[in-house]
Protein backbone atom coordinates (compact mmCIF):
# COMPACT_ATOMS: atom_id res chain seq x y z
CA UNK A 1 53.08 77.13 135.03
CA UNK A 2 49.42 76.58 132.86
CA UNK A 3 46.48 79.09 133.10
CA UNK A 4 42.61 78.73 132.47
CA UNK A 5 40.21 81.73 133.18
CA UNK A 6 36.97 81.04 135.01
CA UNK A 7 34.20 83.68 135.03
CA UNK A 8 31.33 83.24 137.37
CA UNK A 9 28.76 85.45 135.67
CA UNK A 10 25.87 84.99 138.09
CA UNK A 11 24.64 88.34 139.49
CA UNK A 12 24.81 87.48 143.20
CA UNK A 13 26.70 88.27 146.39
CA UNK A 14 28.29 84.81 146.35
CA UNK A 15 30.41 83.32 143.55
CA UNK A 16 31.75 79.77 143.76
CA UNK A 17 34.48 78.36 141.56
CA UNK A 18 36.31 75.01 141.88
CA UNK A 19 39.02 76.66 143.96
CA UNK A 20 37.47 79.70 145.71
CA UNK A 21 34.19 80.70 147.35
CA UNK A 22 33.99 84.48 147.01
CA UNK A 23 31.40 86.56 148.78
CA UNK A 24 30.72 90.29 148.83
CA UNK A 25 30.14 91.47 152.44
CA UNK A 26 29.11 94.78 153.94
CA UNK A 27 29.48 96.40 157.38
CA UNK A 28 27.58 99.62 158.14
CA UNK A 29 26.85 99.60 161.93
CA UNK A 30 25.20 103.02 161.78
CA UNK A 31 23.51 102.60 158.44
CA UNK A 32 24.55 104.24 155.19
CA UNK A 33 24.90 108.01 155.41
CA UNK A 34 27.33 110.90 155.26
CA UNK A 35 30.16 110.58 157.81
CA UNK A 36 29.08 107.12 158.92
CA UNK A 37 31.53 104.21 158.81
CA UNK A 38 30.71 101.94 155.87
CA UNK A 39 32.83 99.03 154.75
CA UNK A 40 32.56 96.63 151.81
CA UNK A 41 34.74 93.58 151.50
CA UNK A 42 35.45 90.56 149.35
CA UNK A 43 35.76 87.32 151.33
CA UNK A 44 37.83 84.63 149.57
CA UNK A 45 37.57 81.14 151.04
CA UNK A 46 40.30 79.06 149.35
CA UNK A 47 40.23 75.35 148.75
CA UNK A 48 42.87 73.46 150.71
CA UNK A 49 46.46 74.28 149.56
CA UNK A 50 45.26 77.04 147.20
CA UNK A 51 46.10 80.69 147.71
CA UNK A 52 45.66 84.21 146.33
CA UNK A 53 48.04 87.14 146.52
CA UNK A 54 48.88 90.31 148.48
CA UNK A 55 49.31 93.78 146.89
CA UNK A 56 52.96 92.69 146.14
CA UNK A 57 52.71 89.08 145.02
CA UNK A 58 56.42 88.34 145.48
CA UNK A 59 58.32 86.24 142.96
CA UNK A 60 55.17 85.40 140.95
CA UNK A 61 51.44 85.99 140.91
CA UNK A 62 49.05 88.93 140.72
CA UNK A 63 47.11 90.81 143.38
CA UNK A 64 43.30 90.70 143.57
CA UNK A 65 41.66 93.66 141.86
CA UNK A 66 38.22 95.21 142.35
CA UNK A 67 36.15 97.40 140.06
CA UNK A 68 33.18 99.05 141.69
CA UNK A 69 29.92 100.50 140.34
CA UNK A 70 28.39 102.79 142.93
CA UNK A 71 25.76 105.51 142.72
CA UNK A 72 26.67 109.21 142.65
CA UNK A 73 27.88 110.50 146.00
CA UNK A 74 29.40 107.13 147.03
CA UNK A 75 33.09 106.32 146.56
CA UNK A 76 35.10 103.24 147.34
CA UNK A 77 38.66 103.59 148.64
CA UNK A 78 41.68 101.32 148.36
CA UNK A 79 41.82 97.79 149.70
CA UNK A 80 42.94 97.65 153.36
CA UNK A 81 45.28 94.67 152.82
CA UNK A 82 45.61 92.35 155.88
CA UNK A 83 49.09 91.27 156.83
CA UNK A 84 50.20 88.56 154.34
CA UNK A 85 52.19 85.41 154.89
CA UNK A 86 55.11 83.99 153.02
CA UNK A 87 54.13 81.22 150.53
CA UNK A 88 57.10 79.15 149.42
CA UNK A 89 56.79 77.25 146.14
CA UNK A 90 60.00 75.54 145.11
CA UNK A 91 62.69 78.18 144.68
CA UNK A 92 60.07 80.99 144.69
CA UNK A 93 58.74 82.99 147.59
CA UNK A 94 55.35 84.63 147.17
CA UNK A 95 53.24 86.80 149.49
CA UNK A 96 49.58 86.10 149.91
CA UNK A 97 46.76 84.35 151.78
CA UNK A 98 45.52 80.84 152.35
CA UNK A 99 42.36 79.48 154.00
CA UNK A 100 39.96 82.44 154.30
CA UNK A 101 40.73 86.13 153.88
CA UNK A 102 38.62 89.24 153.82
CA UNK A 103 39.80 92.21 151.71
CA UNK A 104 37.96 95.23 153.22
CA UNK A 105 37.42 98.50 151.38
CA UNK A 106 36.31 101.74 153.09
CA UNK A 107 33.40 103.55 151.50
CA UNK A 108 32.77 107.30 151.80
CA UNK A 109 29.24 108.67 151.43
CA UNK A 110 28.78 112.38 150.63
CA UNK A 111 25.92 114.61 151.60
CA UNK A 112 24.62 114.37 148.03
CA UNK A 113 23.56 110.77 148.52
CA UNK A 114 19.93 110.51 149.63
CA UNK A 115 18.72 107.28 148.14
CA UNK A 116 16.75 104.88 150.40
CA UNK A 117 19.18 102.06 149.62
CA UNK A 118 22.72 101.63 148.37
CA UNK A 119 23.07 99.38 145.30
CA UNK A 120 26.56 97.91 144.93
CA UNK A 121 28.01 96.15 141.94
CA UNK A 122 31.50 94.68 141.97
CA UNK A 123 33.68 92.98 139.34
CA UNK A 124 36.60 91.18 141.06
CA UNK A 125 39.52 89.41 139.49
CA UNK A 126 41.87 87.11 141.38
CA UNK A 127 44.64 84.68 140.57
CA UNK A 128 44.33 81.43 142.56
CA UNK A 129 47.36 79.13 142.60
CA UNK A 130 48.63 75.78 143.81
CA UNK A 131 51.13 74.13 141.46
CA UNK A 132 49.25 75.88 138.61
CA UNK A 133 47.68 79.33 138.57
CA UNK A 134 44.15 79.99 137.34
CA UNK A 135 42.75 83.51 136.73
CA UNK A 136 39.20 83.67 138.13
CA UNK A 137 36.60 86.41 138.13
CA UNK A 138 33.25 87.12 139.65
CA UNK A 139 30.50 89.70 139.31
CA UNK A 140 28.71 90.54 142.56
CA UNK A 141 25.65 92.63 143.53
CA UNK A 142 24.48 93.71 146.94
CA UNK A 143 21.84 96.20 148.18
CA UNK A 144 22.23 97.91 151.55
CA UNK A 145 19.35 99.66 153.32
CA UNK A 146 19.97 103.36 153.78
CA UNK A 147 18.94 103.79 157.39
CA UNK A 148 19.09 100.32 158.98
CA UNK A 149 22.27 99.00 160.67
CA UNK A 150 24.17 96.33 158.76
CA UNK A 151 26.39 94.44 161.21
CA UNK A 152 25.87 90.80 160.35
CA UNK A 153 29.57 90.39 159.55
CA UNK A 154 30.94 92.67 162.27
CA UNK A 155 33.25 90.00 163.74
CA UNK A 156 34.80 89.30 160.36
CA UNK A 157 35.51 92.97 159.67
CA UNK A 158 36.77 93.63 163.21
CA UNK A 159 39.19 90.73 163.16
CA UNK A 160 40.40 91.55 159.67
CA UNK A 161 40.94 95.25 160.33
CA UNK A 162 42.94 94.25 163.42
CA UNK A 163 45.30 92.40 161.04
CA UNK A 164 45.88 95.39 158.76
CA UNK A 165 49.48 96.69 159.23
CA UNK A 166 49.54 99.81 161.39
CA UNK A 167 51.55 102.80 160.18
CA UNK A 168 54.44 103.53 162.53
CA UNK A 169 54.35 107.28 162.27
CA UNK A 170 56.69 107.72 165.25
CA UNK A 171 59.40 105.57 163.58
CA UNK A 172 62.09 106.88 161.30
CA UNK A 173 63.09 104.51 158.48
CA UNK A 174 65.85 105.06 155.99
CA UNK A 175 67.17 102.99 153.17
CA UNK A 176 70.33 103.09 151.14
CA UNK A 177 71.60 101.03 148.21
CA UNK A 178 74.95 99.35 148.76
CA UNK A 179 76.03 97.26 145.81
CA UNK A 180 73.50 94.51 145.29
CA UNK A 181 71.67 95.03 148.59
CA UNK A 182 69.27 97.44 150.18
CA UNK A 183 70.37 98.46 153.72
CA UNK A 184 67.51 99.52 156.00
CA UNK A 185 67.63 101.24 159.39
CA UNK A 186 64.41 101.71 161.41
CA UNK A 187 64.57 103.74 164.63
CA UNK A 188 61.75 104.56 167.01
CA UNK A 189 59.67 101.34 167.05
CA UNK A 190 57.66 100.72 170.17
CA UNK A 191 59.48 99.14 173.09
CA UNK A 192 57.31 96.03 172.82
CA UNK A 193 58.55 95.45 169.25
CA UNK A 194 62.22 95.98 169.95
CA UNK A 195 64.48 92.93 169.97
CA UNK A 196 62.23 90.90 167.63
CA UNK A 197 63.17 89.30 164.33
CA UNK A 198 61.05 90.55 161.46
CA UNK A 199 59.91 89.22 158.13
CA UNK A 200 60.27 91.99 155.52
CA UNK A 201 57.40 92.52 153.05
CA UNK A 202 58.03 95.38 150.61
CA UNK A 203 54.87 96.92 149.19
CA UNK A 204 56.69 97.71 145.92
CA UNK A 205 57.37 94.66 143.75
CA UNK A 206 60.35 94.09 141.50
CA UNK A 207 62.97 95.48 143.95
CA UNK A 208 64.23 92.78 146.32
CA UNK A 209 64.81 89.03 146.02
CA UNK A 210 61.81 87.61 147.97
CA UNK A 211 63.29 84.12 148.43
CA UNK A 212 66.72 85.35 149.63
CA UNK A 213 67.38 85.46 153.38
CA UNK A 214 67.99 88.86 154.93
CA UNK A 215 70.63 89.85 157.50
CA UNK A 216 69.10 91.70 160.45
CA UNK A 217 70.32 92.91 163.82
CA UNK A 218 69.40 95.32 166.58
CA UNK A 219 71.78 98.18 167.44
CA UNK A 220 70.21 99.59 170.57
CA UNK A 221 66.74 100.76 169.54
CA UNK A 222 67.56 100.68 165.81
CA UNK A 223 66.61 97.71 163.65
CA UNK A 224 68.97 97.22 160.74
CA UNK A 225 68.65 94.82 157.86
CA UNK A 226 70.52 94.02 154.63
CA UNK A 227 68.10 92.83 151.95
CA UNK A 228 69.47 91.42 148.65
CA UNK A 229 68.22 93.17 145.53
CA UNK A 230 66.49 91.16 142.81
CA UNK A 231 68.59 90.06 139.85
CA UNK A 232 65.57 90.99 137.66
CA UNK A 233 64.98 94.32 139.43
CA UNK A 234 62.46 96.35 137.51
CA UNK A 235 61.92 99.25 139.93
CA UNK A 236 64.27 101.88 141.42
CA UNK A 237 62.05 103.77 143.90
CA UNK A 238 63.18 106.80 145.87
CA UNK A 239 60.55 106.00 148.50
CA UNK A 240 59.10 102.71 149.56
CA UNK A 241 56.70 101.36 152.12
CA UNK A 242 57.23 98.00 153.76
CA UNK A 243 55.61 95.80 156.37
CA UNK A 244 57.59 94.21 159.21
CA UNK A 245 56.03 91.09 160.72
CA UNK A 246 57.19 89.32 163.84
CA UNK A 247 55.60 85.85 164.08
CA UNK A 248 51.80 85.99 164.19
CA UNK A 249 51.76 89.59 165.41
CA UNK A 250 50.14 92.43 163.49
CA UNK A 251 52.34 93.95 160.79
CA UNK A 252 54.13 97.27 161.26
CA UNK A 253 54.12 99.55 158.26
CA UNK A 254 57.09 101.85 157.76
CA UNK A 255 57.87 104.40 155.03
CA UNK A 256 61.43 105.01 154.00
CA UNK A 257 63.39 107.29 151.75
CA UNK A 258 66.03 105.43 149.68
CA UNK A 259 69.38 106.98 148.79
CA UNK A 260 72.32 105.85 146.71
CA UNK A 261 72.66 104.96 143.07
CA UNK A 262 70.77 101.85 142.02
CA UNK A 263 72.95 99.31 140.22
CA UNK A 264 72.46 99.32 136.49
CA UNK A 265 70.91 102.79 136.47
CA UNK A 266 71.50 104.84 133.35
CA UNK A 267 73.52 108.06 134.05
CA UNK A 268 71.53 111.27 133.46
CA UNK A 269 74.12 112.60 131.03
CA UNK A 270 73.59 109.51 128.86
CA UNK A 271 70.03 110.49 127.98
CA UNK A 272 71.16 112.47 124.95
CA UNK A 273 73.82 110.02 123.94
CA UNK A 274 73.43 108.29 120.62
CA UNK A 275 72.17 104.73 120.81
CA UNK A 276 74.50 102.13 119.22
CA UNK A 277 72.74 100.01 116.62
CA UNK A 278 71.94 96.47 117.57
CA UNK A 279 74.31 93.92 116.04
CA UNK A 280 72.88 92.01 113.15
CA UNK A 281 71.70 88.51 113.86
CA UNK A 282 74.11 85.97 112.47
CA UNK A 283 72.85 84.19 109.39
CA UNK A 284 73.23 80.87 111.05
CA UNK A 285 70.82 81.66 113.87
CA UNK A 286 67.86 80.20 112.00
CA UNK A 287 69.77 76.99 111.21
CA UNK A 288 70.93 76.77 114.83
CA UNK A 289 67.37 77.17 116.02
CA UNK A 290 66.09 74.51 113.67
CA UNK A 291 68.92 72.22 114.76
CA UNK A 292 68.03 72.65 118.39
CA UNK A 293 64.39 72.05 117.57
CA UNK A 294 65.22 68.77 115.86
CA UNK A 295 67.47 67.77 118.79
CA UNK A 296 64.65 68.53 121.23
CA UNK A 297 62.28 66.44 119.18
CA UNK A 298 64.72 63.54 119.22
CA UNK A 299 65.11 63.80 122.96
CA UNK A 300 61.33 63.81 123.40
CA UNK A 301 61.20 60.45 121.60
CA UNK A 302 62.92 58.96 124.59
CA UNK A 303 60.07 59.94 126.91
CA UNK A 304 58.14 56.99 128.42
CA UNK A 305 54.93 58.12 126.73
CA UNK A 306 56.58 58.12 123.27
CA UNK A 307 59.39 55.59 123.17
CA UNK A 308 57.19 52.43 123.34
CA UNK A 309 55.04 53.65 120.51
CA UNK A 310 58.05 53.97 118.21
CA UNK A 311 58.45 50.18 118.20
CA UNK A 312 54.99 49.92 116.60
CA UNK A 313 56.10 52.10 113.74
CA UNK A 314 59.32 50.12 113.31
CA UNK A 315 57.37 46.84 113.22
CA UNK A 316 55.16 48.26 110.49
CA UNK A 317 58.20 48.21 108.14
CA UNK A 318 58.65 44.51 108.77
CA UNK A 319 55.16 43.57 107.63
CA UNK A 320 55.52 40.96 104.84
CA UNK A 321 54.17 41.62 101.34
CA UNK A 322 53.94 45.40 101.83
CA UNK A 323 55.18 47.48 99.01
CA UNK A 324 57.59 50.39 99.54
CA UNK A 325 55.14 52.97 98.18
CA UNK A 326 52.48 51.77 100.61
CA UNK A 327 54.84 52.21 103.53
CA UNK A 328 55.78 55.67 102.38
CA UNK A 329 52.10 56.63 101.86
CA UNK A 330 51.19 55.32 105.30
CA UNK A 331 54.02 57.24 106.94
CA UNK A 332 53.13 60.46 105.21
CA UNK A 333 49.46 60.05 106.07
CA UNK A 334 50.31 59.39 109.72
CA UNK A 335 52.55 62.44 109.81
CA UNK A 336 49.81 64.56 108.19
CA UNK A 337 47.35 63.43 110.87
CA UNK A 338 49.74 64.59 113.64
CA UNK A 339 50.55 67.94 112.04
CA UNK A 340 46.94 68.77 111.13
CA UNK A 341 45.83 67.98 114.68
CA UNK A 342 48.46 70.21 116.23
CA UNK A 343 47.76 73.07 113.80
CA UNK A 344 44.02 72.77 114.60
CA UNK A 345 44.68 72.84 118.35
CA UNK A 346 47.04 75.81 117.96
CA UNK A 347 44.44 77.61 115.82
CA UNK A 348 41.79 77.07 118.48
CA UNK A 349 44.18 78.42 121.14
CA UNK A 350 45.01 81.51 119.13
CA UNK A 351 41.36 82.16 118.35
CA UNK A 352 40.38 81.97 122.05
CA UNK A 353 43.36 84.22 123.05
CA UNK A 354 42.33 86.76 120.43
CA UNK A 355 38.91 86.77 122.00
CA UNK A 356 40.41 87.83 125.30
CA UNK A 357 40.79 84.42 127.02
CA UNK A 358 43.99 83.99 129.09
CA UNK A 359 45.03 80.51 128.00
CA UNK A 360 48.31 78.64 127.55
CA UNK A 361 49.36 75.58 125.65
CA UNK A 362 47.74 72.49 127.05
CA UNK A 363 44.77 74.50 128.34
CA UNK A 364 42.39 71.66 127.47
CA UNK A 365 43.92 69.48 130.14
CA UNK A 366 42.72 71.97 132.79
CA UNK A 367 39.10 71.25 131.92
CA UNK A 368 37.52 68.48 134.00
CA UNK A 369 35.21 67.34 131.16
CA UNK A 370 38.20 66.97 128.82
CA UNK A 371 40.17 65.01 131.43
CA UNK A 372 37.16 62.79 132.08
CA UNK A 373 36.73 62.21 128.31
CA UNK A 374 40.43 61.28 127.95
CA UNK A 375 40.17 58.90 130.92
CA UNK A 376 37.16 57.18 129.29
CA UNK A 377 38.97 57.04 125.94
CA UNK A 378 42.03 55.42 127.54
CA UNK A 379 39.84 52.85 129.17
CA UNK A 380 38.27 51.97 125.85
CA UNK A 381 41.67 51.74 124.21
CA UNK A 382 42.88 49.45 127.01
CA UNK A 383 39.90 47.14 126.51
CA UNK A 384 40.48 47.20 122.78
CA UNK A 385 44.18 46.26 123.16
CA UNK A 386 43.20 43.49 125.54
CA UNK A 387 40.97 41.99 122.83
CA UNK A 388 37.65 42.66 124.54
CA UNK A 389 36.26 44.17 121.38
CA UNK A 390 37.34 45.38 117.92
CA UNK A 391 36.55 48.83 116.63
CA UNK A 392 35.82 47.38 113.21
CA UNK A 393 33.19 45.01 114.63
CA UNK A 394 31.21 48.00 115.86
CA UNK A 395 30.66 49.33 112.34
CA UNK A 396 27.61 48.26 110.27
CA UNK A 397 28.52 45.62 107.67
CA UNK A 398 27.67 47.91 104.79
CA UNK A 399 30.13 50.55 106.11
CA UNK A 400 32.84 47.97 106.69
CA UNK A 401 32.46 46.65 103.12
CA UNK A 402 32.56 50.13 101.66
CA UNK A 403 35.65 50.88 103.76
CA UNK A 404 37.46 47.84 102.36
CA UNK A 405 36.53 48.73 98.80
CA UNK A 406 37.51 52.37 99.15
CA UNK A 407 40.78 53.55 97.66
CA UNK A 408 41.29 55.64 100.79
CA UNK A 409 41.05 52.61 103.08
CA UNK A 410 44.82 52.74 103.67
CA UNK A 411 45.79 56.35 104.12
CA UNK A 412 42.60 57.79 105.69
CA UNK A 413 42.66 55.44 108.71
CA UNK A 414 46.38 55.85 108.98
CA UNK A 415 46.00 59.62 109.03
CA UNK A 416 43.27 59.21 111.62
CA UNK A 417 45.67 57.27 113.84
CA UNK A 418 47.93 60.32 114.00
CA UNK A 419 45.11 62.59 115.27
CA UNK A 420 45.18 61.44 118.91
CA UNK A 421 48.88 62.12 119.08
CA UNK A 422 48.12 65.79 119.48
CA UNK A 423 46.33 65.05 122.71
CA UNK A 424 48.63 62.29 124.03
CA UNK A 425 51.32 60.34 122.28
CA UNK A 426 50.15 56.94 123.57
CA UNK A 427 46.61 57.26 122.27
CA UNK A 428 46.57 54.71 119.44
CA UNK A 429 43.46 52.57 118.94
CA UNK A 430 44.10 48.82 118.56
CA UNK A 431 42.96 48.94 114.97
CA UNK A 432 45.83 51.35 114.24
CA UNK A 433 48.33 49.05 116.03
CA UNK A 434 47.09 45.91 114.32
CA UNK A 435 47.45 47.50 110.92
CA UNK A 436 51.11 48.13 111.55
CA UNK A 437 51.99 44.89 113.36
CA UNK A 438 53.14 41.82 111.47
CA UNK A 439 50.81 38.87 111.74
CA UNK A 440 53.39 36.86 113.72
CA UNK A 441 53.54 39.60 116.36
CA UNK A 442 49.71 39.87 116.54
CA UNK A 443 49.45 36.13 117.03
CA UNK A 444 51.52 36.41 120.16
C-alpha cells in the first residue's frame, strides 16, 4: 500500500483535508475550574469509504495520536476510545471507525489554575485509509472561557461516552496459551449479556490473528473462546485488556491474566548461552539477486503498458539507410534518458524522506495536480499521434533549423524520449515514434 503526508497548518479549531474533516471540540457544562468536568475531543468526519483506526489497529494501520499544549495546572488524560468496528480489507482485518467519530479526552484542572480563559493547542496525527493509507496531521487551537458553561456539543460527547466500553469489574477473566491459540474464560458477566456471541477486540496489538475466526461457547455463566495467535506475534503479555462486543451494543471491557508458555519464547536459562554466529552469505547470492532482477524486468516487458511500445523500438532497427553506429547511439541515448529520469526521481524521494516526509515510491501519483498534468499530457500525446499537430511545427523556424544543424540532433531528442518512461512507460511523443518508424509504416 502507497503513503503521502498531508499537514493542515492553519491555526484553527477545524482542519479539512481531502479525506477527513477534523474539528477540536470542548465540553465544560460547569465551566473550567478545579473538580469540574471538562472534556476535549477530536471529531473526525471521514469521506465515504475512508476510515481511521482504534488504539489497536488490527492487521495494519496506526491509531490516532494527540499532543496537547495546555497551561500550568491543566492536564489532559488518555483518549476514551469508543467501541470500534471490524474493517475488512481483502485478507486483512482492521479495527477502527468510519463515518464520524469523536475521540474524547478528559481534562483535569488543579486549584493552581486561575486564568480567566483556557487556551488549548493540539497537534493530532491520524492515518486515513481506503485502498491506500495517507498520514494526515492537523494543528488546532481553541479558547474556553473560565467561568461560562460550554455545552454546545453536549449531545456529541454524551452519545460518544455512551459508546466507550465499560469495565466489567465484577467479571473474572482468565487466559491461557494452548499451542497456537489463546483460550479465554470470562465468568460473571451481567445476566443481560449472557448467551450472546461476541466480537473479540484485544487492546494489545501483535498477539492474535485479527482476521481468523474464533471458537466461542457458553458453559453456564462462563463465556469461553479459543482465539488463534498471530503467526507474526510480536507481544507476549502476562496481562491483557480486551473489549467484547455483541452486535451494536456497547462494548464490555475485561482484564485478564494470561498463563502458559508462549510459543517461540526463549527459555530463561538461554539468556547466558553463547550466540551462534550467523552463517555466511553464499557468494552466489548477489548473482542470484541480479538474475531475479533481470527476470523481473523481462516479465514487466509483457505488461500491457510496456509490450506495445517494444514494437516501436524493434521497428527502429528496420529503418532503411540507418548506420549501425547510429542505431547503437540512439539506443544508448534512450537508455540514458530512462536511467537518468529514474535516478532523479529516486533522489527526490530520498531527499524528501530525509527531510521527514513519509513517502513511498510512486508518491507523485498521489498528488492531484500531478495526476491532472499527466492526464493533460496524455491528451496532447493522443492528439499528436492522431496527426492533429506536430511538436516540431510548434517550434520557431530558427530553432528548428538550429536543431537540424546541431550534431546533437540525434541523441539529445532520443534521450529526451526516454525521460517520460520514468513516469509511465507509454508516454512517448509522436515525434519520438516517428523518428523510429520506417517511412512505409508511417505512411500507413
